[in-house]
Amino acid sequence: MQDAKIIETIRNKYIVILADLDERASRRWAAAEAIALGHGGITAVSSVIGASDRND
């Protein structure tokens, strides 16, 4: 799932909206993006935003 084009697309989208996101909104965006990507989405999104891929 983690091909470079997908990672770059996620990164570009995140950069555009980052200034408008607090912690909660950032996590909600990440969850929505991961769900939209399907299998491997959690790993891909968490690698871009630097968040844990675990729900601890």
PDB file of N, CA and C in Angstrom:
ATOM      1  N   MET A   1       0.829  -1.204   0.000  1.00  0.00           N
ATOM      2  CA  MET A   1       0.000   0.000   0.000  1.00  0.00           C
ATOM      3  C   MET A   1       0.859   1.246   0.000  1.00  0.00           C
ATOM      4  N   GLN A   2       1.995   1.218   0.646  1.00  0.00           N
ATOM      5  CA  GLN A   2       2.760   2.445   0.848  1.00  0.00           C
ATOM      6  C   GLN A   2       3.630   2.801  -0.350  1.00  0.00           C
ATOM      7  N   ASP A   3       3.038   2.983  -1.502  1.00  0.00           N
ATOM      8  CA  ASP A   3       3.901   3.430  -2.583  1.00  0.00           C
ATOM      9  C   ASP A   3       4.123   4.935  -2.465  1.00  0.00           C
ATOM     10  N   ALA A   4       5.185   5.392  -3.048  1.00  0.00           N
ATOM     11  CA  ALA A   4       5.628   6.780  -2.866  1.00  0.00           C
ATOM     12  C   ALA A   4       4.582   7.795  -3.306  1.00  0.00           C
ATOM     13  N   LYS A   5       3.836   7.498  -4.342  1.00  0.00           N
ATOM     14  CA  LYS A   5       2.829   8.445  -4.829  1.00  0.00           C
ATOM     15  C   LYS A   5       1.700   8.632  -3.815  1.00  0.00           C
ATOM     16  N   ILE A   6       1.260   7.549  -3.184  1.00  0.00           N
ATOM     17  CA  ILE A   6       0.207   7.647  -2.175  1.00  0.00           C
ATOM     18  C   ILE A   6       0.695   8.443  -0.978  1.00  0.00           C
ATOM     19  N   ILE A   7       1.909   8.146  -0.525  1.00  0.00           N
ATOM     20  CA  ILE A   7       2.481   8.859   0.614  1.00  0.00           C
ATOM     21  C   ILE A   7       2.610  10.345   0.307  1.00  0.00           C
ATOM     22  N   GLU A   8       3.085  10.671  -0.864  1.00  0.00           N
ATOM     23  CA  GLU A   8       3.238  12.076  -1.250  1.00  0.00           C
ATOM     24  C   GLU A   8       1.885  12.780  -1.332  1.00  0.00           C
ATOM     25  N   THR A   9       0.869  12.103  -1.840  1.00  0.00           N
ATOM     26  CA  THR A   9      -0.478  12.680  -1.913  1.00  0.00           C
ATOM     27  C   THR A   9      -1.025  12.967  -0.518  1.00  0.00           C
ATOM     28  N   ILE A  10      -0.870  12.006   0.387  1.00  0.00           N
ATOM     29  CA  ILE A  10      -1.326  12.212   1.766  1.00  0.00           C
ATOM     30  C   ILE A  10      -0.581  13.390   2.388  1.00  0.00           C
ATOM     31  N   ARG A  11       0.733  13.424   2.220  1.00  0.00           N
ATOM     32  CA  ARG A  11       1.552  14.505   2.788  1.00  0.00           C
ATOM     33  C   ARG A  11       1.099  15.866   2.264  1.00  0.00           C
ATOM     34  N   ASN A  12       0.856  15.969   0.961  1.00  0.00           N
ATOM     35  CA  ASN A  12       0.429  17.247   0.372  1.00  0.00           C
ATOM     36  C   ASN A  12      -0.927  17.691   0.922  1.00  0.00           C
ATOM     37  N   LYS A  13      -1.852  16.761   1.064  1.00  0.00           N
ATOM     38  CA  LYS A  13      -3.163  17.093   1.617  1.00  0.00           C
ATOM     39  C   LYS A  13      -3.032  17.560   3.069  1.00  0.00           C
ATOM     40  N   TYR A  14      -2.203  16.872   3.833  1.00  0.00           N
ATOM     41  CA  TYR A  14      -2.011  17.208   5.241  1.00  0.00           C
ATOM     42  C   TYR A  14      -1.384  18.591   5.390  1.00  0.00           C
ATOM     43  N   ILE A  15      -0.404  18.904   4.587  1.00  0.00           N
ATOM     44  CA  ILE A  15       0.258  20.213   4.646  1.00  0.00           C
ATOM     45  C   ILE A  15      -0.740  21.342   4.394  1.00  0.00           C
ATOM     46  N   VAL A  16      -1.638  21.133   3.457  1.00  0.00           N
ATOM     47  CA  VAL A  16      -2.617  22.166   3.104  1.00  0.00           C
ATOM     48  C   VAL A  16      -3.549  22.492   4.267  1.00  0.00           C
ATOM     49  N   ILE A  17      -3.954  21.479   5.033  1.00  0.00           N
ATOM     50  CA  ILE A  17      -4.935  21.719   6.097  1.00  0.00           C
ATOM     51  C   ILE A  17      -4.338  21.797   7.498  1.00  0.00           C
ATOM     52  N   LEU A  18      -3.068  21.526   7.641  1.00  0.00           N
ATOM     53  CA  LEU A  18      -2.436  21.436   8.960  1.00  0.00           C
ATOM     54  C   LEU A  18      -2.656  22.664   9.833  1.00  0.00           C
ATOM     55  N   ALA A  19      -2.549  23.841   9.299  1.00  0.00           N
ATOM     56  CA  ALA A  19      -2.683  25.066  10.087  1.00  0.00           C
ATOM     57  C   ALA A  19      -4.073  25.206  10.722  1.00  0.00           C
ATOM     58  N   ASP A  20      -5.065  24.557  10.152  1.00  0.00           N
ATOM     59  CA  ASP A  20      -6.435  24.658  10.650  1.00  0.00           C
ATOM     60  C   ASP A  20      -6.824  23.544  11.615  1.00  0.00           C
ATOM     61  N   LEU A  21      -5.900  22.633  11.901  1.00  0.00           N
ATOM     62  CA  LEU A  21      -6.231  21.472  12.714  1.00  0.00           C
ATOM     63  C   LEU A  21      -5.646  21.549  14.117  1.00  0.00           C
ATOM     64  N   ASP A  22      -6.487  21.288  15.116  1.00  0.00           N
ATOM     65  CA  ASP A  22      -5.963  21.050  16.455  1.00  0.00           C
ATOM     66  C   ASP A  22      -5.706  19.542  16.560  1.00  0.00           C
ATOM     67  N   GLU A  23      -5.286  19.073  17.726  1.00  0.00           N
ATOM     68  CA  GLU A  23      -4.949  17.650  17.894  1.00  0.00           C
ATOM     69  C   GLU A  23      -6.116  16.734  17.550  1.00  0.00           C
ATOM     70  N   ARG A  24      -7.291  17.069  18.064  1.00  0.00           N
ATOM     71  CA  ARG A  24      -8.461  16.224  17.815  1.00  0.00           C
ATOM     72  C   ARG A  24      -8.835  16.195  16.336  1.00  0.00           C
ATOM     73  N   ALA A  25      -8.851  17.347  15.703  1.00  0.00           N
ATOM     74  CA  ALA A  25      -9.193  17.415  14.287  1.00  0.00           C
ATOM     75  C   ALA A  25      -8.147  16.696  13.428  1.00  0.00           C
ATOM     76  N   SER A  26      -6.898  16.799  13.815  1.00  0.00           N
ATOM     77  CA  SER A  26      -5.833  16.110  13.087  1.00  0.00           C
ATOM     78  C   SER A  26      -6.036  14.602  13.129  1.00  0.00           C
ATOM     79  N   ARG A  27      -6.379  14.088  14.298  1.00  0.00           N
ATOM     80  CA  ARG A  27      -6.615  12.644  14.433  1.00  0.00           C
ATOM     81  C   ARG A  27      -7.870  12.202  13.666  1.00  0.00           C
ATOM     82  N   ARG A  28      -8.882  13.029  13.664  1.00  0.00           N
ATOM     83  CA  ARG A  28     -10.101  12.691  12.915  1.00  0.00           C
ATOM     84  C   ARG A  28      -9.831  12.689  11.417  1.00  0.00           C
ATOM     85  N   TRP A  29      -9.069  13.683  10.939  1.00  0.00           N
ATOM     86  CA  TRP A  29      -8.704  13.703   9.531  1.00  0.00           C
ATOM     87  C   TRP A  29      -7.894  12.452   9.183  1.00  0.00           C
ATOM     88  N   ALA A  30      -6.927  12.120  10.040  1.00  0.00           N
ATOM     89  CA  ALA A  30      -6.084  10.956   9.791  1.00  0.00           C
ATOM     90  C   ALA A  30      -6.921   9.679   9.723  1.00  0.00           C
ATOM     91  N   ALA A  31      -7.883   9.551  10.623  1.00  0.00           N
ATOM     92  CA  ALA A  31      -8.749   8.370  10.622  1.00  0.00           C
ATOM     93  C   ALA A  31      -9.572   8.286   9.342  1.00  0.00           C
ATOM     94  N   ALA A  32     -10.142   9.406   8.936  1.00  0.00           N
ATOM     95  CA  ALA A  32     -10.950   9.430   7.715  1.00  0.00           C
ATOM     96  C   ALA A  32     -10.091   9.094   6.498  1.00  0.00           C
ATOM     97  N   GLU A  33      -8.891   9.619   6.450  1.00  0.00           N
ATOM     98  CA  GLU A  33      -7.987   9.355   5.333  1.00  0.00           C
ATOM     99  C   GLU A  33      -7.591   7.878   5.308  1.00  0.00           C
ATOM    100  N   ALA A  34      -7.285   7.321   6.473  1.00  0.00           N
ATOM    101  CA  ALA A  34      -6.895   5.914   6.554  1.00  0.00           C
ATOM    102  C   ALA A  34      -8.033   4.995   6.121  1.00  0.00           C
ATOM    103  N   ILE A  35      -9.246   5.308   6.543  1.00  0.00           N
ATOM    104  CA  ILE A  35     -10.409   4.512   6.136  1.00  0.00           C
ATOM    105  C   ILE A  35     -10.601   4.583   4.626  1.00  0.00           C
ATOM    106  N   ALA A  36     -10.455   5.771   4.063  1.00  0.00           N
ATOM    107  CA  ALA A  36     -10.626   5.938   2.614  1.00  0.00           C
ATOM    108  C   ALA A  36      -9.585   5.142   1.827  1.00  0.00           C
ATOM    109  N   LEU A  37      -8.379   5.015   2.367  1.00  0.00           N
ATOM    110  CA  LEU A  37      -7.321   4.278   1.678  1.00  0.00           C
ATOM    111  C   LEU A  37      -7.510   2.770   1.750  1.00  0.00           C
ATOM    112  N   GLY A  38      -8.210   2.305   2.757  1.00  0.00           N
ATOM    113  CA  GLY A  38      -8.423   0.869   2.890  1.00  0.00           C
ATOM    114  C   GLY A  38      -7.216   0.178   3.498  1.00  0.00           C
ATOM    115  N   HIS A  39      -6.990  -1.065   3.098  1.00  0.00           N
ATOM    116  CA  HIS A  39      -5.914  -1.883   3.658  1.00  0.00           C
ATOM    117  C   HIS A  39      -4.574  -1.163   3.586  1.00  0.00           C
ATOM    118  N   GLY A  40      -3.912  -1.024   4.710  1.00  0.00           N
ATOM    119  CA  GLY A  40      -2.630  -0.336   4.773  1.00  0.00           C
ATOM    120  C   GLY A  40      -2.747   1.155   5.003  1.00  0.00           C
ATOM    121  N   GLY A  41      -3.961   1.665   5.061  1.00  0.00           N
ATOM    122  CA  GLY A  41      -4.175   3.101   5.213  1.00  0.00           C
ATOM    123  C   GLY A  41      -3.682   3.660   6.530  1.00  0.00           C
ATOM    124  N   ILE A  42      -3.867   2.908   7.601  1.00  0.00           N
ATOM    125  CA  ILE A  42      -3.424   3.388   8.919  1.00  0.00           C
ATOM    126  C   ILE A  42      -1.912   3.574   8.924  1.00  0.00           C
ATOM    127  N   THR A  43      -1.199   2.599   8.420  1.00  0.00           N
ATOM    128  CA  THR A  43       0.263   2.683   8.380  1.00  0.00           C
ATOM    129  C   THR A  43       0.718   3.837   7.502  1.00  0.00           C
ATOM    130  N   ALA A  44       0.089   4.000   6.358  1.00  0.00           N
ATOM    131  CA  ALA A  44       0.475   5.066   5.431  1.00  0.00           C
ATOM    132  C   ALA A  44       0.256   6.439   6.049  1.00  0.00           C
ATOM    133  N   VAL A  45      -0.914   6.653   6.620  1.00  0.00           N
ATOM    134  CA  VAL A  45      -1.232   7.962   7.196  1.00  0.00           C
ATOM    135  C   VAL A  45      -0.367   8.245   8.419  1.00  0.00           C
ATOM    136  N   SER A  46      -0.201   7.267   9.283  1.00  0.00           N
ATOM    137  CA  SER A  46       0.596   7.504  10.487  1.00  0.00           C
ATOM    138  C   SER A  46       2.050   7.798  10.143  1.00  0.00           C
ATOM    139  N   SER A  47       2.558   7.210   9.079  1.00  0.00           N
ATOM    140  CA  SER A  47       3.939   7.499   8.685  1.00  0.00           C
ATOM    141  C   SER A  47       4.099   8.933   8.191  1.00  0.00           C
ATOM    142  N   VAL A  48       3.052   9.484   7.614  1.00  0.00           N
ATOM    143  CA  VAL A  48       3.103  10.851   7.111  1.00  0.00           C
ATOM    144  C   VAL A  48       2.989  11.874   8.242  1.00  0.00           C
ATOM    145  N   ILE A  49       2.043  11.652   9.153  1.00  0.00           N
ATOM    146  CA  ILE A  49       1.794  12.661  10.188  1.00  0.00           C
ATOM    147  C   ILE A  49       2.577  12.437  11.458  1.00  0.00           C
ATOM    148  N   GLY A  50       3.270  11.321  11.541  1.00  0.00           N
ATOM    149  CA  GLY A  50       4.101  11.053  12.713  1.00  0.00           C
ATOM    150  C   GLY A  50       3.321  10.624  13.934  1.00  0.00           C
ATOM    151  N   ALA A  51       2.114  10.122  13.752  1.00  0.00           N
ATOM    152  CA  ALA A  51       1.296   9.659  14.864  1.00  0.00           C
ATOM    153  C   ALA A  51       1.479   8.149  15.010  1.00  0.00           C
ATOM    154  N   SER A  52       1.175   7.658  16.183  1.00  0.00           N
ATOM    155  CA  SER A  52       1.224   6.232  16.421  1.00  0.00           C
ATOM    156  C   SER A  52       0.133   5.540  15.638  1.00  0.00           C
ATOM    157  N   ASP A  53       0.409   4.348  15.150  1.00  0.00           N
ATOM    158  CA  ASP A  53      -0.616   3.567  14.464  1.00  0.00           C
ATOM    159  C   ASP A  53      -1.323   2.621  15.441  1.00  0.00           C
ATOM    160  N   ARG A  54      -1.103   2.843  16.724  1.00  0.00           N
ATOM    161  CA  ARG A  54      -1.732   2.032  17.772  1.00  0.00           C
ATOM    162  C   ARG A  54      -2.759   2.877  18.516  1.00  0.00           C
ATOM    163  N   ASN A  55      -3.723   2.223  19.068  1.00  0.00           N
ATOM    164  CA  ASN A  55      -4.763   2.899  19.840  1.00  0.00           C
ATOM    165  C   ASN A  55      -4.526   2.644  21.331  1.00  0.00           C
ATOM    166  N   ASP A  56      -3.393   3.086  21.848  1.00  0.00           N
ATOM    167  CA  ASP A  56      -3.034   2.842  23.247  1.00  0.00           C
ATOM    168  C   ASP A  56      -3.488   3.976  24.138  1.00  0.00           C
TER     169      ASP A  56
END
